[in-house]
Structures are given as structure tokens and as C-alpha cells.
Amino acid sequence: MPNFITQKGNLNNKIVHAKDCLNLLTDDEKQELVNNKTDIYFEPGEHIVKKGILANNVLYLTKGLVKLDIINESKQTTVTILQSHSFIGIVCCFAFRKLDFTATALTKAQVSFIGMDIFEGFIKNNGDFALSLIKHMSGMSNQLLHRLTSLSQKNIDGALAYVLLDFRSIFNADAFELPMSRVELANMLDYSKESVINTLSKFNKEGIITVDDRKIKILDRNNLEQICKLG
């Protein structure tokens, strides 16, 4: 079976993770999931979900990074970056007949498409799974609200520092390659592309980071964390 439904879960964590939910399926349910899911591979920049498509499947990101975008009044905003072993837009899947977001691969990605009828059957028949899914969705919603609120209250310096530290955590390294263009960063931060470029340049000149196209190296993490906190 795929590793995401055989690894040991840890429901003592503050946030219940997606794979913890799946690990609460019975052996028969896990086998039913395996027999009925469809795995699709995506290249960087390829759309996984487009706003307006029917919510026929629950999507599970097995490998890669994916960004979630919401479009309001023709303005596109990146609301979160999803890592491996995450549901894609699970909070929206059960709310409307059509999905209200766009999901795009930032790196090569593998996504499991699980039929909505199969998934709803698990919810109806497995109380432990249903409860863990509610806890997961609640935790993710809370995390997303705090993230968006925090970013909206920061100036460009603080917001960019926040996101750079976020990517440092994702890649678990001080040196990494941004999986986003300057325009995509601007959409995430709700600032102009020029502001993002100028601030990256300023951080570079001040010796906080080095920048080489999309390659970033954090040289002074303490300073960056202070800018994030105060910006």
C-alpha cells in the first residue's frame, strides 16, 4: 500500500494531519481507497484544479508543492502553499458543487484523485475517521486565517521575511530555490512585483540573504526573524 496510509499517525499533535486521518481507515477501507483512487502526475506550473470544475473528487497531494489561489473581483491571491501529504482544498470540497479555487503545481507533483462518493462513504461509516477529518479541517482553517491575518498586517519587509522563513521551513535549509516567480510572490503578499524585487534587492545589499534569480540563501536568520516580527 502507498506510504501515506501505512505510516503511523500521531493524533497527539496540535493539528491533525491529512495522513493521520487516512490512517484511521479500516484495512478494508484502505484497500477500497487504493483500488479506486487515480494517481496523476503534474509538471511545475501545470493546473491541478481550475476554479469552477465540479467537486467530484477529494485530492490528496502525495508528493510535491502546490499553491492554492482564490480569485475575487478578477484579482488572484495565493492563500497557501501545500506540502506533500496534504489534502488539496479539503475545506472547500464539501461546501459547493463547484470548486472555488485554483491549484497549481509549483514543483513536480503526484496527486491522488479519490472519488467523492468513496470518501463520503468513509465519513458515514467510520466515526473515528470522520472526527479526525473535522479536526483536520478545523485546524487547517484556523492556520490559514492566522496566516492571512498576519500577512495582511505586515509591511512589505515583514511580509517577505515571513514567506522566506516559511520556505526555509518547507525545504528545511537556509539555501533553497524559490518555486515561485516574482509575480506569484507578489500575489501571495498582496504587494506589487516591483516592491518584491526592490525588497529582495535590499535584503541582499544588507547581507541578510543572497539572491541569484530564484536561488535564495539566508545569511542572517536572526535579522530576518526580527524583520518578520516587527515588520
Protein backbone atom coordinates (compact mmCIF):
# COMPACT_ATOMS: atom_id res chain seq x y z
CA MET A 1 0.00 0.00 0.00
CA PRO A 2 1.14 3.62 -0.50
CA ASN A 3 3.15 5.00 2.41
CA PHE A 4 0.61 7.71 3.15
CA ILE A 5 -1.87 5.17 4.50
CA THR A 6 0.54 2.82 6.21
CA GLN A 7 2.72 5.22 8.20
CA LYS A 8 1.94 5.59 11.88
CA GLY A 9 -0.17 8.66 12.61
CA ASN A 10 0.25 10.92 15.59
CA LEU A 11 -3.08 12.33 16.70
CA ASN A 12 -1.46 13.92 19.74
CA ASN A 13 -0.18 16.74 17.53
CA LYS A 14 -1.92 20.08 17.82
CA ILE A 15 -3.05 19.89 14.19
CA VAL A 16 -4.34 16.58 12.87
CA HIS A 17 -2.53 15.95 9.59
CA ALA A 18 -4.10 14.53 6.46
CA LYS A 19 -2.26 11.21 6.65
CA ASP A 20 -3.34 10.83 10.29
CA CYS A 21 -6.94 10.91 9.06
CA LEU A 22 -6.29 8.28 6.40
CA ASN A 23 -4.53 6.04 8.88
CA LEU A 24 -7.82 5.76 10.81
CA LEU A 25 -9.47 3.99 7.88
CA THR A 26 -10.02 0.27 8.41
CA ASP A 27 -7.92 -2.17 6.40
CA ASP A 28 -10.88 -2.82 4.10
CA GLU A 29 -11.42 0.93 3.60
CA LYS A 30 -7.73 1.44 2.85
CA GLN A 31 -7.90 -1.28 0.24
CA GLU A 32 -11.05 0.29 -1.23
CA LEU A 33 -9.22 3.62 -1.44
CA VAL A 34 -6.23 2.01 -3.18
CA ASN A 35 -8.50 0.19 -5.64
CA ASN A 36 -10.46 3.30 -6.58
CA LYS A 37 -8.00 6.20 -6.47
CA THR A 38 -6.32 7.57 -9.58
CA ASP A 39 -2.77 8.95 -9.36
CA ILE A 40 -1.93 11.79 -11.75
CA TYR A 41 1.46 13.47 -12.17
CA PHE A 42 1.85 17.21 -12.81
CA GLU A 43 4.74 19.34 -14.02
CA PRO A 44 5.66 22.70 -12.42
CA GLY A 45 3.20 25.38 -13.49
CA GLU A 46 0.52 22.88 -14.50
CA HIS A 47 -3.01 23.38 -13.17
CA ILE A 48 -4.27 20.58 -10.93
CA VAL A 49 -7.62 22.23 -10.29
CA LYS A 50 -9.26 25.13 -12.09
CA LYS A 51 -11.90 27.23 -10.39
CA GLY A 52 -15.40 26.20 -11.40
CA ILE A 53 -14.89 22.48 -12.02
CA LEU A 54 -17.30 20.03 -10.38
CA ALA A 55 -16.29 18.75 -6.95
CA ASN A 56 -16.29 15.07 -7.95
CA ASN A 57 -13.07 14.11 -6.16
CA VAL A 58 -11.12 14.65 -2.99
CA LEU A 59 -7.50 15.41 -3.90
CA TYR A 60 -4.53 14.19 -1.87
CA LEU A 61 -1.06 15.58 -2.60
CA THR A 62 1.33 12.65 -2.26
CA LYS A 63 4.48 14.42 -3.47
CA GLY A 64 5.47 17.98 -4.33
CA LEU A 65 4.47 21.57 -3.58
CA VAL A 66 1.18 23.13 -4.69
CA LYS A 67 -0.16 26.66 -4.40
CA LEU A 68 -3.81 27.46 -3.81
CA ASP A 69 -5.22 30.62 -5.42
CA ILE A 70 -8.51 32.40 -4.84
CA ILE A 71 -9.84 34.92 -7.37
CA ASN A 72 -12.03 37.76 -6.09
CA GLU A 73 -13.16 40.55 -8.41
CA SER A 74 -10.61 39.47 -11.04
CA LYS A 75 -7.76 39.67 -8.51
CA GLN A 76 -5.80 36.48 -7.89
CA THR A 77 -4.38 35.85 -4.42
CA THR A 78 -2.25 32.91 -3.33
CA VAL A 79 -3.64 31.89 0.04
CA THR A 80 -1.36 28.99 0.96
CA ILE A 81 1.39 26.60 -0.11
CA LEU A 82 0.65 22.91 0.37
CA GLN A 83 3.35 20.33 1.04
CA SER A 84 3.39 16.57 0.48
CA HIS A 85 0.75 14.58 2.36
CA SER A 86 -1.91 17.28 2.28
CA PHE A 87 -5.49 17.37 1.10
CA ILE A 88 -5.91 19.98 -1.64
CA GLY A 89 -8.71 22.39 -0.78
CA ILE A 90 -10.48 19.93 1.52
CA VAL A 91 -12.32 22.75 3.29
CA CYS A 92 -13.98 23.78 0.01
CA CYS A 93 -14.72 20.31 -1.36
CA PHE A 94 -17.90 19.76 0.66
CA ALA A 95 -19.13 23.36 0.63
CA PHE A 96 -20.19 23.82 -3.00
CA ARG A 97 -20.93 21.71 -6.06
CA LYS A 98 -18.14 23.53 -7.91
CA LEU A 99 -14.67 24.20 -6.55
CA ASP A 100 -13.96 27.82 -5.68
CA PHE A 101 -10.16 27.79 -6.02
CA THR A 102 -7.32 27.08 -8.41
CA ALA A 103 -4.49 24.69 -7.50
CA THR A 104 -1.18 24.81 -9.40
CA ALA A 105 1.90 22.61 -9.09
CA LEU A 106 4.99 24.56 -8.00
CA THR A 107 7.23 21.51 -8.35
CA LYS A 108 6.71 18.11 -9.91
CA ALA A 109 3.70 16.74 -8.06
CA GLN A 110 1.79 13.50 -7.62
CA VAL A 111 -1.87 13.80 -6.72
CA SER A 112 -4.32 11.04 -5.81
CA PHE A 113 -7.89 11.65 -7.02
CA ILE A 114 -10.34 9.90 -4.68
CA GLY A 115 -13.98 9.71 -5.75
CA MET A 116 -16.25 11.88 -3.62
CA ASP A 117 -18.75 9.02 -3.20
CA ILE A 118 -15.99 6.75 -1.85
CA PHE A 119 -14.77 9.43 0.54
CA GLU A 120 -18.28 10.25 1.77
CA GLY A 121 -18.80 6.54 2.43
CA PHE A 122 -15.78 6.55 4.74
CA ILE A 123 -17.19 9.56 6.60
CA LYS A 124 -20.61 7.94 7.07
CA ASN A 125 -19.31 4.54 8.15
CA ASN A 126 -16.18 5.37 10.17
CA GLY A 127 -16.78 7.73 13.07
CA ASP A 128 -13.12 7.94 14.11
CA PHE A 129 -12.15 8.92 10.56
CA ALA A 130 -14.97 11.49 10.35
CA LEU A 131 -13.99 13.09 13.66
CA SER A 132 -10.31 13.27 12.73
CA LEU A 133 -11.24 14.85 9.38
CA ILE A 134 -13.30 17.52 11.16
CA LYS A 135 -10.36 18.23 13.48
CA HIS A 136 -8.02 18.39 10.48
CA MET A 137 -10.26 20.80 8.56
CA SER A 138 -10.75 22.96 11.66
CA GLY A 139 -7.01 23.12 12.32
CA MET A 140 -6.18 23.96 8.71
CA SER A 141 -8.86 26.68 8.59
CA ASN A 142 -7.52 28.20 11.80
CA GLN A 143 -3.94 28.07 10.49
CA LEU A 144 -4.97 29.67 7.20
CA LEU A 145 -6.84 32.51 8.93
CA HIS A 146 -3.85 33.27 11.16
CA ARG A 147 -1.51 33.22 8.15
CA LEU A 148 -3.65 35.57 6.06
CA THR A 149 -4.25 37.91 9.00
CA SER A 150 -0.56 38.00 9.87
CA LEU A 151 0.49 38.75 6.28
CA SER A 152 -2.16 41.45 5.84
CA GLN A 153 -0.83 43.32 8.88
CA LYS A 154 2.78 43.40 7.72
CA ASN A 155 4.64 45.89 5.54
CA ILE A 156 6.49 44.53 2.52
CA ASP A 157 9.68 43.88 4.53
CA GLY A 158 7.84 41.88 7.18
CA ALA A 159 5.66 40.01 4.71
CA LEU A 160 8.59 38.98 2.51
CA ALA A 161 10.63 37.93 5.56
CA TYR A 162 7.63 35.84 6.69
CA VAL A 163 7.42 33.99 3.36
CA LEU A 164 11.20 33.45 3.08
CA LEU A 165 11.20 31.90 6.55
CA ASP A 166 8.19 29.84 5.51
CA PHE A 167 10.13 28.42 2.56
CA ARG A 168 13.14 27.81 4.80
CA SER A 169 10.87 25.67 6.97
CA ILE A 170 9.41 23.87 3.94
CA PHE A 171 12.83 23.00 2.49
CA ASN A 172 14.46 22.65 5.93
CA ALA A 173 17.51 24.57 4.67
CA ASP A 174 18.91 28.10 4.60
CA ALA A 175 19.67 27.74 0.87
CA PHE A 176 16.81 26.89 -1.47
CA GLU A 177 15.28 27.70 -4.83
CA LEU A 178 12.06 29.69 -4.78
CA PRO A 179 9.38 27.66 -6.58
CA MET A 180 7.57 30.88 -7.49
CA SER A 181 8.12 33.80 -9.83
CA ARG A 182 8.29 37.38 -8.55
CA VAL A 183 4.73 37.90 -9.81
CA GLU A 184 3.49 34.86 -7.87
CA LEU A 185 5.26 36.12 -4.75
CA ALA A 186 3.57 39.48 -5.22
CA ASN A 187 0.17 37.77 -5.50
CA MET A 188 0.83 35.94 -2.25
CA LEU A 189 1.93 39.06 -0.37
CA ASP A 190 -0.62 41.43 -1.95
CA TYR A 191 2.17 43.83 -2.97
CA SER A 192 3.41 44.83 -6.41
CA LYS A 193 6.07 42.86 -8.27
CA GLU A 194 8.32 45.93 -8.11
CA SER A 195 8.01 46.05 -4.30
CA VAL A 196 9.01 42.39 -4.05
CA ILE A 197 12.01 42.87 -6.37
CA ASN A 198 13.17 46.01 -4.53
CA THR A 199 12.86 44.38 -1.11
CA LEU A 200 14.74 41.27 -2.18
CA SER A 201 17.46 43.56 -3.50
CA LYS A 202 17.52 45.50 -0.22
CA PHE A 203 17.82 42.31 1.85
CA ASN A 204 20.66 41.25 -0.47
CA LYS A 205 22.54 44.55 -0.08
CA GLU A 206 22.13 44.44 3.71
CA GLY A 207 23.67 40.96 3.84
CA ILE A 208 20.53 39.28 5.17
CA ILE A 209 20.20 37.00 2.13
CA THR A 210 21.88 36.39 -1.20
CA VAL A 211 19.73 36.35 -4.33
CA ASP A 212 20.59 34.74 -7.65
CA ASP A 213 17.44 34.64 -9.77
CA ARG A 214 15.28 32.15 -7.82
CA LYS A 215 18.15 30.87 -5.67
CA ILE A 216 17.98 32.24 -2.13
CA LYS A 217 20.43 31.80 0.70
CA ILE A 218 19.59 33.14 4.16
CA LEU A 219 22.74 34.55 5.73
CA ASP A 220 21.31 36.27 8.82
CA ARG A 221 18.27 34.33 10.03
CA ASN A 222 18.06 36.22 13.34
CA ASN A 223 17.77 39.52 11.50
CA LEU A 224 15.19 38.08 9.12
CA GLU A 225 13.14 36.76 12.03
CA GLN A 226 13.28 40.19 13.68
CA ILE A 227 12.09 41.88 10.47
CA CYS A 228 9.27 39.32 10.25
CA LYS A 229 8.25 40.02 13.84
CA LEU A 230 8.37 43.81 13.67
CA GLY A 231 7.55 44.47 10.00
